[in-house]
Amino acid sequence: MNTQTASNDLRERVIDALRSVFDPEIPVNIYDLGLVYQLDVDAETGHVMIRMTLTAPGCPVAQTFPGTVEEYVNEVEGVSETNVELVWDPPWTRARMSEAALLQLGML
């Protein structure tokens, strides 16, 4: 398997893991909600870097949620380390939601 294929394969498995993490206030996964702003996956080292936000800065899980996301991603075969950075700029809006998330919430 070449490096690009391995990287794409690991990236897809990481995205699957992110789709198993649900926002505590909206019953939709964080990936389809558009809370993941950046996802860098290095298949060679197994390092994953995620820049994400929450639906609101005052979210009660703001302190613990990045650790939860790290735990889910670290379970993916091939991942050796995950770093999650919580960012607030740009602010999250519904425009970032996938079509699947909009359908799930009856907004489409």
PDB file of N, CA and C in Angstrom:
ATOM      1  N   MET A   1       0.861  -1.175   0.000  1.00  0.00           N
ATOM      2  CA  MET A   1       0.000   0.000   0.000  1.00  0.00           C
ATOM      3  C   MET A   1       0.901   1.230   0.000  1.00  0.00           C
ATOM      4  N   ASN A   2       0.665   2.154  -0.939  1.00  0.00           N
ATOM      5  CA  ASN A   2       1.515   3.340  -0.973  1.00  0.00           C
ATOM      6  C   ASN A   2       1.134   4.315   0.135  1.00  0.00           C
ATOM      7  N   THR A   3       1.995   5.304   0.340  1.00  0.00           N
ATOM      8  CA  THR A   3       1.817   6.236   1.463  1.00  0.00           C
ATOM      9  C   THR A   3       0.508   7.005   1.363  1.00  0.00           C
ATOM     10  N   GLN A   4       0.151   7.442   0.147  1.00  0.00           N
ATOM     11  CA  GLN A   4      -1.090   8.208  -0.034  1.00  0.00           C
ATOM     12  C   GLN A   4      -2.309   7.346   0.291  1.00  0.00           C
ATOM     13  N   THR A   5      -2.304   6.093  -0.169  1.00  0.00           N
ATOM     14  CA  THR A   5      -3.416   5.186   0.104  1.00  0.00           C
ATOM     15  C   THR A   5      -3.513   4.900   1.601  1.00  0.00           C
ATOM     16  N   ALA A   6      -2.371   4.668   2.242  1.00  0.00           N
ATOM     17  CA  ALA A   6      -2.363   4.407   3.686  1.00  0.00           C
ATOM     18  C   ALA A   6      -2.889   5.607   4.448  1.00  0.00           C
ATOM     19  N   SER A   7      -2.491   6.797   4.023  1.00  0.00           N
ATOM     20  CA  SER A   7      -2.934   8.026   4.682  1.00  0.00           C
ATOM     21  C   SER A   7      -4.443   8.220   4.521  1.00  0.00           C
ATOM     22  N   ASN A   8      -4.947   7.982   3.310  1.00  0.00           N
ATOM     23  CA  ASN A   8      -6.391   8.123   3.069  1.00  0.00           C
ATOM     24  C   ASN A   8      -7.177   7.094   3.868  1.00  0.00           C
ATOM     25  N   ASP A   9      -6.663   5.868   3.951  1.00  0.00           N
ATOM     26  CA  ASP A   9      -7.320   4.802   4.704  1.00  0.00           C
ATOM     27  C   ASP A   9      -7.399   5.164   6.191  1.00  0.00           C
ATOM     28  N   LEU A  10      -6.287   5.617   6.755  1.00  0.00           N
ATOM     29  CA  LEU A  10      -6.274   6.001   8.169  1.00  0.00           C
ATOM     30  C   LEU A  10      -7.192   7.196   8.397  1.00  0.00           C
ATOM     31  N   ARG A  11      -7.164   8.161   7.485  1.00  0.00           N
ATOM     32  CA  ARG A  11      -8.026   9.343   7.605  1.00  0.00           C
ATOM     33  C   ARG A  11      -9.503   8.921   7.640  1.00  0.00           C
ATOM     34  N   GLU A  12      -9.889   7.998   6.777  1.00  0.00           N
ATOM     35  CA  GLU A  12     -11.282   7.539   6.747  1.00  0.00           C
ATOM     36  C   GLU A  12     -11.663   6.842   8.055  1.00  0.00           C
ATOM     37  N   ARG A  13     -10.751   6.058   8.610  1.00  0.00           N
ATOM     38  CA  ARG A  13     -11.030   5.387   9.888  1.00  0.00           C
ATOM     39  C   ARG A  13     -11.136   6.398  11.023  1.00  0.00           C
ATOM     40  N   VAL A  14     -10.319   7.461  10.975  1.00  0.00           N
ATOM     41  CA  VAL A  14     -10.410   8.523  11.990  1.00  0.00           C
ATOM     42  C   VAL A  14     -11.748   9.248  11.856  1.00  0.00           C
ATOM     43  N   ILE A  15     -12.168   9.532  10.629  1.00  0.00           N
ATOM     44  CA  ILE A  15     -13.467  10.184  10.411  1.00  0.00           C
ATOM     45  C   ILE A  15     -14.597   9.293  10.936  1.00  0.00           C
ATOM     46  N   ASP A  16     -14.504   7.991  10.707  1.00  0.00           N
ATOM     47  CA  ASP A  16     -15.509   7.069  11.250  1.00  0.00           C
ATOM     48  C   ASP A  16     -15.561   7.168  12.773  1.00  0.00           C
ATOM     49  N   ALA A  17     -14.387   7.261  13.411  1.00  0.00           N
ATOM     50  CA  ALA A  17     -14.340   7.399  14.871  1.00  0.00           C
ATOM     51  C   ALA A  17     -14.976   8.715  15.301  1.00  0.00           C
ATOM     52  N   LEU A  18     -14.700   9.794  14.568  1.00  0.00           N
ATOM     53  CA  LEU A  18     -15.287  11.096  14.903  1.00  0.00           C
ATOM     54  C   LEU A  18     -16.807  11.062  14.746  1.00  0.00           C
ATOM     55  N   ARG A  19     -17.282  10.266  13.815  1.00  0.00           N
ATOM     56  CA  ARG A  19     -18.734  10.135  13.617  1.00  0.00           C
ATOM     57  C   ARG A  19     -19.389   9.327  14.731  1.00  0.00           C
ATOM     58  N   SER A  20     -18.596   8.731  15.614  1.00  0.00           N
ATOM     59  CA  SER A  20     -19.170   8.003  16.747  1.00  0.00           C
ATOM     60  C   SER A  20     -19.189   8.855  18.025  1.00  0.00           C
ATOM     61  N   VAL A  21     -18.696  10.104  17.912  1.00  0.00           N
ATOM     62  CA  VAL A  21     -18.707  11.036  19.042  1.00  0.00           C
ATOM     63  C   VAL A  21     -19.847  12.023  18.816  1.00  0.00           C
ATOM     64  N   PHE A  22     -20.759  12.108  19.783  1.00  0.00           N
ATOM     65  CA  PHE A  22     -21.931  12.956  19.613  1.00  0.00           C
ATOM     66  C   PHE A  22     -21.849  14.207  20.472  1.00  0.00           C
ATOM     67  N   ASP A  23     -22.324  15.300  19.913  1.00  0.00           N
ATOM     68  CA  ASP A  23     -22.412  16.551  20.654  1.00  0.00           C
ATOM     69  C   ASP A  23     -23.336  16.325  21.850  1.00  0.00           C
ATOM     70  N   PRO A  24     -22.966  16.853  23.020  1.00  0.00           N
ATOM     71  CA  PRO A  24     -23.790  16.613  24.205  1.00  0.00           C
ATOM     72  C   PRO A  24     -25.147  17.314  24.179  1.00  0.00           C
ATOM     73  N   GLU A  25     -25.308  18.328  23.321  1.00  0.00           N
ATOM     74  CA  GLU A  25     -26.561  19.082  23.313  1.00  0.00           C
ATOM     75  C   GLU A  25     -27.416  18.832  22.076  1.00  0.00           C
ATOM     76  N   ILE A  26     -26.786  18.393  20.993  1.00  0.00           N
ATOM     77  CA  ILE A  26     -27.503  18.137  19.738  1.00  0.00           C
ATOM     78  C   ILE A  26     -27.239  16.677  19.373  1.00  0.00           C
ATOM     79  N   PRO A  27     -28.263  15.878  19.119  1.00  0.00           N
ATOM     80  CA  PRO A  27     -28.064  14.441  18.895  1.00  0.00           C
ATOM     81  C   PRO A  27     -27.497  14.106  17.514  1.00  0.00           C
ATOM     82  N   VAL A  28     -26.375  14.727  17.170  1.00  0.00           N
ATOM     83  CA  VAL A  28     -25.712  14.496  15.889  1.00  0.00           C
ATOM     84  C   VAL A  28     -24.217  14.378  16.172  1.00  0.00           C
ATOM     85  N   ASN A  29     -23.524  13.581  15.384  1.00  0.00           N
ATOM     86  CA  ASN A  29     -22.084  13.421  15.613  1.00  0.00           C
ATOM     87  C   ASN A  29     -21.322  14.706  15.283  1.00  0.00           C
ATOM     88  N   ILE A  30     -20.151  14.853  15.904  1.00  0.00           N
ATOM     89  CA  ILE A  30     -19.392  16.097  15.791  1.00  0.00           C
ATOM     90  C   ILE A  30     -18.847  16.344  14.389  1.00  0.00           C
ATOM     91  N   TYR A  31     -18.618  15.287  13.620  1.00  0.00           N
ATOM     92  CA  TYR A  31     -18.089  15.468  12.267  1.00  0.00           C
ATOM     93  C   TYR A  31     -19.158  16.051  11.349  1.00  0.00           C
ATOM     94  N   ASP A  32     -20.349  15.451  11.363  1.00  0.00           N
ATOM     95  CA  ASP A  32     -21.433  15.947  10.502  1.00  0.00           C
ATOM     96  C   ASP A  32     -21.997  17.279  10.974  1.00  0.00           C
ATOM     97  N   LEU A  33     -21.813  17.584  12.257  1.00  0.00           N
ATOM     98  CA  LEU A  33     -22.217  18.908  12.756  1.00  0.00           C
ATOM     99  C   LEU A  33     -21.291  20.003  12.244  1.00  0.00           C
ATOM    100  N   GLY A  34     -20.127  19.622  11.751  1.00  0.00           N
ATOM    101  CA  GLY A  34     -19.173  20.615  11.268  1.00  0.00           C
ATOM    102  C   GLY A  34     -18.324  21.194  12.381  1.00  0.00           C
ATOM    103  N   LEU A  35     -18.208  20.476  13.492  1.00  0.00           N
ATOM    104  CA  LEU A  35     -17.405  20.972  14.606  1.00  0.00           C
ATOM    105  C   LEU A  35     -15.909  20.740  14.391  1.00  0.00           C
ATOM    106  N   VAL A  36     -15.564  19.836  13.472  1.00  0.00           N
ATOM    107  CA  VAL A  36     -14.155  19.582  13.160  1.00  0.00           C
ATOM    108  C   VAL A  36     -13.742  20.543  12.054  1.00  0.00           C
ATOM    109  N   TYR A  37     -12.865  21.483  12.400  1.00  0.00           N
ATOM    110  CA  TYR A  37     -12.414  22.497  11.446  1.00  0.00           C
ATOM    111  C   TYR A  37     -11.198  22.030  10.652  1.00  0.00           C
ATOM    112  N   GLN A  38     -10.347  21.231  11.258  1.00  0.00           N
ATOM    113  CA  GLN A  38      -9.138  20.767  10.585  1.00  0.00           C
ATOM    114  C   GLN A  38      -8.796  19.377  11.099  1.00  0.00           C
ATOM    115  N   LEU A  39      -8.407  18.507  10.176  1.00  0.00           N
ATOM    116  CA  LEU A  39      -8.023  17.141  10.518  1.00  0.00           C
ATOM    117  C   LEU A  39      -6.766  16.793   9.737  1.00  0.00           C
ATOM    118  N   ASP A  40      -5.645  16.643  10.450  1.00  0.00           N
ATOM    119  CA  ASP A  40      -4.380  16.255   9.834  1.00  0.00           C
ATOM    120  C   ASP A  40      -4.019  14.870  10.336  1.00  0.00           C
ATOM    121  N   VAL A  41      -3.778  13.955   9.401  1.00  0.00           N
ATOM    122  CA  VAL A  41      -3.457  12.574   9.739  1.00  0.00           C
ATOM    123  C   VAL A  41      -2.137  12.210   9.074  1.00  0.00           C
ATOM    124  N   ASP A  42      -1.177  11.759   9.869  1.00  0.00           N
ATOM    125  CA  ASP A  42       0.107  11.303   9.358  1.00  0.00           C
ATOM    126  C   ASP A  42       0.157   9.783   9.528  1.00  0.00           C
ATOM    127  N   ALA A  43      -0.040   9.067   8.430  1.00  0.00           N
ATOM    128  CA  ALA A  43      -0.097   7.603   8.494  1.00  0.00           C
ATOM    129  C   ALA A  43       1.239   6.990   8.892  1.00  0.00           C
ATOM    130  N   GLU A  44       2.344   7.656   8.552  1.00  0.00           N
ATOM    131  CA  GLU A  44       3.667   7.126   8.896  1.00  0.00           C
ATOM    132  C   GLU A  44       3.902   7.096  10.399  1.00  0.00           C
ATOM    133  N   THR A  45       3.563   8.186  11.068  1.00  0.00           N
ATOM    134  CA  THR A  45       3.806   8.282  12.510  1.00  0.00           C
ATOM    135  C   THR A  45       2.588   7.900  13.334  1.00  0.00           C
ATOM    136  N   GLY A  46       1.399   7.895  12.701  1.00  0.00           N
ATOM    137  CA  GLY A  46       0.170   7.616  13.436  1.00  0.00           C
ATOM    138  C   GLY A  46      -0.330   8.813  14.227  1.00  0.00           C
ATOM    139  N   HIS A  47       0.233   9.994  13.946  1.00  0.00           N
ATOM    140  CA  HIS A  47      -0.159  11.199  14.678  1.00  0.00           C
ATOM    141  C   HIS A  47      -1.374  11.856  14.009  1.00  0.00           C
ATOM    142  N   VAL A  48      -2.351  12.226  14.834  1.00  0.00           N
ATOM    143  CA  VAL A  48      -3.562  12.889  14.352  1.00  0.00           C
ATOM    144  C   VAL A  48      -3.691  14.220  15.088  1.00  0.00           C
ATOM    145  N   MET A  49      -3.919  15.288  14.318  1.00  0.00           N
ATOM    146  CA  MET A  49      -4.129  16.617  14.893  1.00  0.00           C
ATOM    147  C   MET A  49      -5.514  17.095  14.467  1.00  0.00           C
ATOM    148  N   ILE A  50      -6.304  17.485  15.453  1.00  0.00           N
ATOM    149  CA  ILE A  50      -7.672  17.935  15.193  1.00  0.00           C
ATOM    150  C   ILE A  50      -7.853  19.327  15.780  1.00  0.00           C
ATOM    151  N   ARG A  51      -8.348  20.230  14.955  1.00  0.00           N
ATOM    152  CA  ARG A  51      -8.792  21.544  15.442  1.00  0.00           C
ATOM    153  C   ARG A  51     -10.306  21.512  15.345  1.00  0.00           C
ATOM    154  N   MET A  52     -10.953  21.757  16.477  1.00  0.00           N
ATOM    155  CA  MET A  52     -12.414  21.678  16.486  1.00  0.00           C
ATOM    156  C   MET A  52     -12.990  22.749  17.396  1.00  0.00           C
ATOM    157  N   THR A  53     -14.271  22.906  17.307  1.00  0.00           N
ATOM    158  CA  THR A  53     -14.974  23.849  18.162  1.00  0.00           C
ATOM    159  C   THR A  53     -16.150  23.141  18.803  1.00  0.00           C
ATOM    160  N   LEU A  54     -16.913  23.869  19.566  1.00  0.00           N
ATOM    161  CA  LEU A  54     -18.163  23.373  20.139  1.00  0.00           C
ATOM    162  C   LEU A  54     -19.277  24.294  19.659  1.00  0.00           C
ATOM    163  N   THR A  55     -20.509  23.868  19.828  1.00  0.00           N
ATOM    164  CA  THR A  55     -21.617  24.675  19.320  1.00  0.00           C
ATOM    165  C   THR A  55     -21.753  26.009  20.045  1.00  0.00           C
ATOM    166  N   ALA A  56     -21.258  26.080  21.280  1.00  0.00           N
ATOM    167  CA  ALA A  56     -21.328  27.334  22.046  1.00  0.00           C
ATOM    168  C   ALA A  56     -20.121  27.408  22.984  1.00  0.00           C
ATOM    169  N   PRO A  57     -19.507  28.591  23.111  1.00  0.00           N
ATOM    170  CA  PRO A  57     -18.346  28.732  23.996  1.00  0.00           C
ATOM    171  C   PRO A  57     -18.648  28.369  25.449  1.00  0.00           C
ATOM    172  N   GLY A  58     -19.879  28.550  25.888  1.00  0.00           N
ATOM    173  CA  GLY A  58     -20.247  28.238  27.263  1.00  0.00           C
ATOM    174  C   GLY A  58     -20.656  26.795  27.472  1.00  0.00           C
ATOM    175  N   CYS A  59     -20.387  25.951  26.487  1.00  0.00           N
ATOM    176  CA  CYS A  59     -20.772  24.547  26.566  1.00  0.00           C
ATOM    177  C   CYS A  59     -20.205  23.925  27.839  1.00  0.00           C
ATOM    178  N   PRO A  60     -21.039  23.229  28.619  1.00  0.00           N
ATOM    179  CA  PRO A  60     -20.592  22.679  29.897  1.00  0.00           C
ATOM    180  C   PRO A  60     -19.481  21.637  29.789  1.00  0.00           C
ATOM    181  N   VAL A  61     -19.265  21.046  28.616  1.00  0.00           N
ATOM    182  CA  VAL A  61     -18.232  20.022  28.473  1.00  0.00           C
ATOM    183  C   VAL A  61     -16.948  20.555  27.844  1.00  0.00           C
ATOM    184  N   ALA A  62     -16.834  21.874  27.721  1.00  0.00           N
ATOM    185  CA  ALA A  62     -15.684  22.471  27.033  1.00  0.00           C
ATOM    186  C   ALA A  62     -14.348  22.000  27.603  1.00  0.00           C
ATOM    187  N   GLN A  63     -14.282  21.782  28.898  1.00  0.00           N
ATOM    188  CA  GLN A  63     -13.021  21.372  29.518  1.00  0.00           C
ATOM    189  C   GLN A  63     -12.693  19.900  29.265  1.00  0.00           C
ATOM    190  N   THR A  64     -13.702  19.047  29.179  1.00  0.00           N
ATOM    191  CA  THR A  64     -13.461  17.613  29.091  1.00  0.00           C
ATOM    192  C   THR A  64     -13.641  17.017  27.695  1.00  0.00           C
ATOM    193  N   PHE A  65     -14.360  17.698  26.832  1.00  0.00           N
ATOM    194  CA  PHE A  65     -14.709  17.127  25.534  1.00  0.00           C
ATOM    195  C   PHE A  65     -13.506  16.834  24.639  1.00  0.00           C
ATOM    196  N   PRO A  66     -12.489  17.701  24.585  1.00  0.00           N
ATOM    197  CA  PRO A  66     -11.322  17.357  23.762  1.00  0.00           C
ATOM    198  C   PRO A  66     -10.693  16.027  24.178  1.00  0.00           C
ATOM    199  N   GLY A  67     -10.638  15.743  25.459  1.00  0.00           N
ATOM    200  CA  GLY A  67     -10.099  14.466  25.936  1.00  0.00           C
ATOM    201  C   GLY A  67     -10.951  13.299  25.494  1.00  0.00           C
ATOM    202  N   THR A  68     -12.261  13.492  25.480  1.00  0.00           N
ATOM    203  CA  THR A  68     -13.179  12.451  25.009  1.00  0.00           C
ATOM    204  C   THR A  68     -12.914  12.146  23.538  1.00  0.00           C
ATOM    205  N   VAL A  69     -12.771  13.197  22.732  1.00  0.00           N
ATOM    206  CA  VAL A  69     -12.494  13.021  21.303  1.00  0.00           C
ATOM    207  C   VAL A  69     -11.157  12.295  21.116  1.00  0.00           C
ATOM    208  N   GLU A  70     -10.145  12.699  21.870  1.00  0.00           N
ATOM    209  CA  GLU A  70      -8.835  12.033  21.797  1.00  0.00           C
ATOM    210  C   GLU A  70      -8.965  10.538  22.098  1.00  0.00           C
ATOM    211  N   GLU A  71      -9.732  10.183  23.112  1.00  0.00           N
ATOM    212  CA  GLU A  71      -9.907   8.772  23.478  1.00  0.00           C
ATOM    213  C   GLU A  71     -10.506   7.968  22.320  1.00  0.00           C
ATOM    214  N   TYR A  72     -11.542   8.506  21.683  1.00  0.00           N
ATOM    215  CA  TYR A  72     -12.182   7.808  20.569  1.00  0.00           C
ATOM    216  C   TYR A  72     -11.203   7.615  19.411  1.00  0.00           C
ATOM    217  N   VAL A  73     -10.471   8.672  19.056  1.00  0.00           N
ATOM    218  CA  VAL A  73      -9.555   8.598  17.918  1.00  0.00           C
ATOM    219  C   VAL A  73      -8.368   7.691  18.237  1.00  0.00           C
ATOM    220  N   ASN A  74      -7.898   7.713  19.467  1.00  0.00           N
ATOM    221  CA  ASN A  74      -6.768   6.856  19.849  1.00  0.00           C
ATOM    222  C   ASN A  74      -7.109   5.370  19.759  1.00  0.00           C
ATOM    223  N   GLU A  75      -8.387   5.032  19.730  1.00  0.00           N
ATOM    224  CA  GLU A  75      -8.813   3.634  19.590  1.00  0.00           C
ATOM    225  C   GLU A  75      -8.660   3.123  18.161  1.00  0.00           C
ATOM    226  N   VAL A  76      -8.467   4.027  17.201  1.00  0.00           N
ATOM    227  CA  VAL A  76      -8.362   3.647  15.793  1.00  0.00           C
ATOM    228  C   VAL A  76      -7.021   2.952  15.553  1.00  0.00           C
ATOM    229  N   GLU A  77      -7.066   1.795  14.914  1.00  0.00           N
ATOM    230  CA  GLU A  77      -5.832   1.073  14.597  1.00  0.00           C
ATOM    231  C   GLU A  77      -4.960   1.936  13.692  1.00  0.00           C
ATOM    232  N   GLY A  78      -3.697   2.090  14.073  1.00  0.00           N
ATOM    233  CA  GLY A  78      -2.765   2.901  13.290  1.00  0.00           C
ATOM    234  C   GLY A  78      -2.533   4.281  13.881  1.00  0.00           C
ATOM    235  N   VAL A  79      -3.360   4.689  14.836  1.00  0.00           N
ATOM    236  CA  VAL A  79      -3.187   5.982  15.496  1.00  0.00           C
ATOM    237  C   VAL A  79      -2.316   5.779  16.732  1.00  0.00           C
ATOM    238  N   SER A  80      -1.237   6.555  16.828  1.00  0.00           N
ATOM    239  CA  SER A  80      -0.348   6.450  17.982  1.00  0.00           C
ATOM    240  C   SER A  80      -0.552   7.600  18.963  1.00  0.00           C
ATOM    241  N   GLU A  81      -0.986   8.743  18.450  1.00  0.00           N
ATOM    242  CA  GLU A  81      -1.180   9.918  19.305  1.00  0.00           C
ATOM    243  C   GLU A  81      -2.188  10.856  18.653  1.00  0.00           C
ATOM    244  N   THR A  82      -3.044  11.437  19.470  1.00  0.00           N
ATOM    245  CA  THR A  82      -4.035  12.388  18.991  1.00  0.00           C
ATOM    246  C   THR A  82      -3.946  13.658  19.827  1.00  0.00           C
ATOM    247  N   ASN A  83      -3.923  14.786  19.146  1.00  0.00           N
ATOM    248  CA  ASN A  83      -3.965  16.087  19.815  1.00  0.00           C
ATOM    249  C   ASN A  83      -5.214  16.816  19.330  1.00  0.00           C
ATOM    250  N   VAL A  84      -6.027  17.252  20.273  1.00  0.00           N
ATOM    251  CA  VAL A  84      -7.237  17.995  19.932  1.00  0.00           C
ATOM    252  C   VAL A  84      -7.084  19.404  20.469  1.00  0.00           C
ATOM    253  N   GLU A  85      -7.222  20.378  19.576  1.00  0.00           N
ATOM    254  CA  GLU A  85      -7.160  21.783  19.957  1.00  0.00           C
ATOM    255  C   GLU A  85      -8.560  22.375  19.809  1.00  0.00           C
ATOM    256  N   LEU A  86      -9.060  22.956  20.877  1.00  0.00           N
ATOM    257  CA  LEU A  86     -10.363  23.606  20.860  1.00  0.00           C
ATOM    258  C   LEU A  86     -10.176  25.057  20.428  1.00  0.00           C
ATOM    259  N   VAL A  87     -10.895  25.467  19.393  1.00  0.00           N
ATOM    260  CA  VAL A  87     -10.799  26.830  18.882  1.00  0.00           C
ATOM    261  C   VAL A  87     -12.195  27.459  18.832  1.00  0.00           C
ATOM    262  N   TRP A  88     -12.237  28.768  18.891  1.00  0.00           N
ATOM    263  CA  TRP A  88     -13.528  29.468  18.873  1.00  0.00           C
ATOM    264  C   TRP A  88     -13.658  30.398  17.673  1.00  0.00           C
ATOM    265  N   ASP A  89     -12.639  30.441  16.832  1.00  0.00           N
ATOM    266  CA  ASP A  89     -12.652  31.329  15.677  1.00  0.00           C
ATOM    267  C   ASP A  89     -12.344  30.512  14.438  1.00  0.00           C
ATOM    268  N   PRO A  90     -13.220  30.456  13.477  1.00  0.00           N
ATOM    269  CA  PRO A  90     -14.494  31.166  13.406  1.00  0.00           C
ATOM    270  C   PRO A  90     -15.550  30.480  14.275  1.00  0.00           C
ATOM    271  N   PRO A  91     -16.504  31.258  14.747  1.00  0.00           N
ATOM    272  CA  PRO A  91     -17.582  30.671  15.548  1.00  0.00           C
ATOM    273  C   PRO A  91     -18.373  29.656  14.714  1.00  0.00           C
ATOM    274  N   TRP A  92     -18.835  28.599  15.365  1.00  0.00           N
ATOM    275  CA  TRP A  92     -19.632  27.591  14.677  1.00  0.00           C
ATOM    276  C   TRP A  92     -21.001  28.160  14.328  1.00  0.00           C
ATOM    277  N   THR A  93     -21.499  27.801  13.153  1.00  0.00           N
ATOM    278  CA  THR A  93     -22.877  28.139  12.751  1.00  0.00           C
ATOM    279  C   THR A  93     -23.490  26.906  12.098  1.00  0.00           C
ATOM    280  N   ARG A  94     -24.787  26.917  11.957  1.00  0.00           N
ATOM    281  CA  ARG A  94     -25.480  25.793  11.316  1.00  0.00           C
ATOM    282  C   ARG A  94     -25.025  25.577   9.881  1.00  0.00           C
ATOM    283  N   ALA A  95     -24.486  26.602   9.251  1.00  0.00           N
ATOM    284  CA  ALA A  95     -24.021  26.490   7.865  1.00  0.00           C
ATOM    285  C   ALA A  95     -22.916  25.448   7.713  1.00  0.00           C
ATOM    286  N   ARG A  96     -22.246  25.087   8.800  1.00  0.00           N
ATOM    287  CA  ARG A  96     -21.157  24.106   8.763  1.00  0.00           C
ATOM    288  C   ARG A  96     -21.674  22.661   8.803  1.00  0.00           C
ATOM    289  N   MET A  97     -22.963  22.476   9.048  1.00  0.00           N
ATOM    290  CA  MET A  97     -23.534  21.132   9.179  1.00  0.00           C
ATOM    291  C   MET A  97     -23.623  20.447   7.819  1.00  0.00           C
ATOM    292  N   SER A  98     -23.396  19.128   7.810  1.00  0.00           N
ATOM    293  CA  SER A  98     -23.536  18.356   6.578  1.00  0.00           C
ATOM    294  C   SER A  98     -25.017  18.200   6.243  1.00  0.00           C
ATOM    295  N   GLU A  99     -25.266  17.803   5.017  1.00  0.00           N
ATOM    296  CA  GLU A  99     -26.651  17.555   4.592  1.00  0.00           C
ATOM    297  C   GLU A  99     -27.272  16.458   5.456  1.00  0.00           C
ATOM    298  N   ALA A 100     -26.473  15.433   5.796  1.00  0.00           N
ATOM    299  CA  ALA A 100     -26.970  14.337   6.639  1.00  0.00           C
ATOM    300  C   ALA A 100     -27.408  14.848   7.997  1.00  0.00           C
ATOM    301  N   ALA A 101     -26.644  15.762   8.585  1.00  0.00           N
ATOM    302  CA  ALA A 101     -26.995  16.323   9.897  1.00  0.00           C
ATOM    303  C   ALA A 101     -28.260  17.160   9.792  1.00  0.00           C
ATOM    304  N   LEU A 102     -28.374  17.953   8.742  1.00  0.00           N
ATOM    305  CA  LEU A 102     -29.576  18.776   8.544  1.00  0.00           C
ATOM    306  C   LEU A 102     -30.810  17.882   8.386  1.00  0.00           C
ATOM    307  N   LEU A 103     -30.672  16.808   7.619  1.00  0.00           N
ATOM    308  CA  LEU A 103     -31.790  15.866   7.449  1.00  0.00           C
ATOM    309  C   LEU A 103     -32.159  15.224   8.786  1.00  0.00           C
ATOM    310  N   GLN A 104     -31.143  14.802   9.529  1.00  0.00           N
ATOM    311  CA  GLN A 104     -31.386  14.135  10.819  1.00  0.00           C
ATOM    312  C   GLN A 104     -32.155  15.031  11.778  1.00  0.00           C
ATOM    313  N   LEU A 105     -31.884  16.334  11.713  1.00  0.00           N
ATOM    314  CA  LEU A 105     -32.553  17.270  12.608  1.00  0.00           C
ATOM    315  C   LEU A 105     -33.816  17.878  11.993  1.00  0.00           C
ATOM    316  N   GLY A 106     -34.181  17.419  10.785  1.00  0.00           N
ATOM    317  CA  GLY A 106     -35.387  17.916  10.138  1.00  0.00           C
ATOM    318  C   GLY A 106     -35.264  19.358   9.686  1.00  0.00           C
ATOM    319  N   MET A 107     -34.059  19.782   9.343  1.00  0.00           N
ATOM    320  CA  MET A 107     -33.825  21.174   8.945  1.00  0.00           C
ATOM    321  C   MET A 107     -33.619  21.333   7.457  1.00  0.00           C
ATOM    322  N   LEU A 108     -33.866  20.271   6.701  1.00  0.00           N
ATOM    323  CA  LEU A 108     -33.636  20.332   5.248  1.00  0.00           C
ATOM    324  C   LEU A 108     -34.886  19.913   4.521  1.00  0.00           C
TER     325      LEU A 108
END
